[in-house]
């Protein structure tokens, strides 16, 4: 984002959950994966992360904070999706 941020409006955040555990590459190729849950979110890039000023010493801190928030939300979403799958509310 630091060098090309002004060219993007958003980030596509893709979460893939394998409810029965992470498959091997061979499992994927041979069709032995029963269930896959995919969620895609369009995340707007904050304006203060799109344009970097030369004297902005806090830019990397703000960027890291924003990314950490996305990862924390992703971790919660994965937990929720796995729980919903186990309860039979999605998939199967």
Protein backbone atom coordinates (compact mmCIF):
# COMPACT_ATOMS: atom_id res chain seq x y z
CA UNK A 1 0.00 0.00 0.00
CA UNK A 2 2.85 2.34 0.72
CA UNK A 3 3.80 2.67 -2.95
CA UNK A 4 0.57 1.90 -4.80
CA UNK A 5 -2.17 2.54 -2.24
CA UNK A 6 -3.71 5.45 -4.10
CA UNK A 7 -4.54 3.10 -7.01
CA UNK A 8 -6.80 0.86 -4.90
CA UNK A 9 -10.16 1.48 -3.25
CA UNK A 10 -10.50 -1.79 -1.41
CA UNK A 11 -8.96 -5.08 -0.44
CA UNK A 12 -10.65 -8.42 -1.13
CA UNK A 13 -10.39 -10.49 2.02
CA UNK A 14 -10.92 -14.20 1.26
CA UNK A 15 -11.38 -16.72 4.07
CA UNK A 16 -11.30 -20.44 3.29
CA UNK A 17 -12.30 -22.94 5.98
CA UNK A 18 -11.90 -26.71 5.72
CA UNK A 19 -14.23 -27.98 8.50
CA UNK A 20 -12.68 -31.46 8.52
CA UNK A 21 -9.10 -30.19 8.77
CA UNK A 22 -6.63 -28.80 6.29
CA UNK A 23 -6.40 -31.13 3.29
CA UNK A 24 -3.23 -32.14 1.53
CA UNK A 25 -2.57 -31.04 -2.02
CA UNK A 26 -3.30 -34.61 -3.11
CA UNK A 27 -6.68 -34.49 -1.35
CA UNK A 28 -7.55 -31.33 -3.27
CA UNK A 29 -6.44 -32.77 -6.61
CA UNK A 30 -8.28 -36.07 -6.16
CA UNK A 31 -11.56 -34.56 -4.94
CA UNK A 32 -11.35 -36.05 -1.44
CA UNK A 33 -12.33 -32.77 0.20
CA UNK A 34 -15.95 -33.02 1.35
CA UNK A 35 -16.68 -29.53 2.55
CA UNK A 36 -15.19 -26.11 1.95
CA UNK A 37 -16.54 -22.82 3.29
CA UNK A 38 -15.51 -19.64 1.49
CA UNK A 39 -16.30 -16.09 2.54
CA UNK A 40 -15.23 -12.97 0.65
CA UNK A 41 -15.36 -9.49 2.14
CA UNK A 42 -14.70 -6.22 0.37
CA UNK A 43 -12.71 -4.11 2.82
CA UNK A 44 -12.40 -0.41 2.13
CA UNK A 45 -8.85 0.83 2.50
CA UNK A 46 -8.83 3.75 4.96
CA UNK A 47 -7.98 7.04 3.30
CA UNK A 48 -5.03 7.63 5.60
CA UNK A 49 -3.47 4.38 4.32
CA UNK A 50 -3.97 5.15 0.63
CA UNK A 51 -1.80 8.23 0.47
CA UNK A 52 1.54 8.37 2.27
CA UNK A 53 3.25 11.65 2.97
CA UNK A 54 7.04 11.68 3.09
CA UNK A 55 7.12 12.87 6.70
CA UNK A 56 4.46 10.42 7.98
CA UNK A 57 6.40 8.48 10.60
CA UNK A 58 3.29 6.74 11.96
CA UNK A 59 2.17 5.23 8.63
CA UNK A 60 3.58 1.75 9.22
CA UNK A 61 2.05 1.65 12.70
CA UNK A 62 -1.42 2.52 11.32
CA UNK A 63 -1.04 0.02 8.49
CA UNK A 64 0.00 -2.78 10.86
CA UNK A 65 -2.85 -1.94 13.23
CA UNK A 66 -5.38 -2.11 10.37
CA UNK A 67 -3.99 -5.45 9.14
CA UNK A 68 -3.98 -6.86 12.68
CA UNK A 69 -7.65 -5.91 13.04
CA UNK A 70 -8.44 -7.75 9.79
CA UNK A 71 -6.58 -10.87 11.02
CA UNK A 72 -8.39 -10.78 14.37
CA UNK A 73 -11.76 -10.51 12.59
CA UNK A 74 -10.74 -13.37 10.30
CA UNK A 75 -9.83 -15.57 13.30
CA UNK A 76 -13.24 -14.88 14.87
CA UNK A 77 -14.99 -15.59 11.58
CA UNK A 78 -13.18 -18.93 11.18
CA UNK A 79 -14.22 -19.96 14.71
CA UNK A 80 -17.83 -18.94 14.01
CA UNK A 81 -17.95 -20.76 10.67
CA UNK A 82 -16.55 -23.95 12.19
CA UNK A 83 -19.08 -23.78 15.03
CA UNK A 84 -21.95 -23.19 12.60
CA UNK A 85 -20.80 -26.13 10.49
CA UNK A 86 -20.68 -28.44 13.53
CA UNK A 87 -24.19 -27.32 14.48
CA UNK A 88 -25.41 -28.09 10.97
CA UNK A 89 -26.36 -24.48 10.31
CA UNK A 90 -24.17 -24.24 7.18
CA UNK A 91 -22.84 -26.74 4.67
CA UNK A 92 -23.48 -30.44 4.46
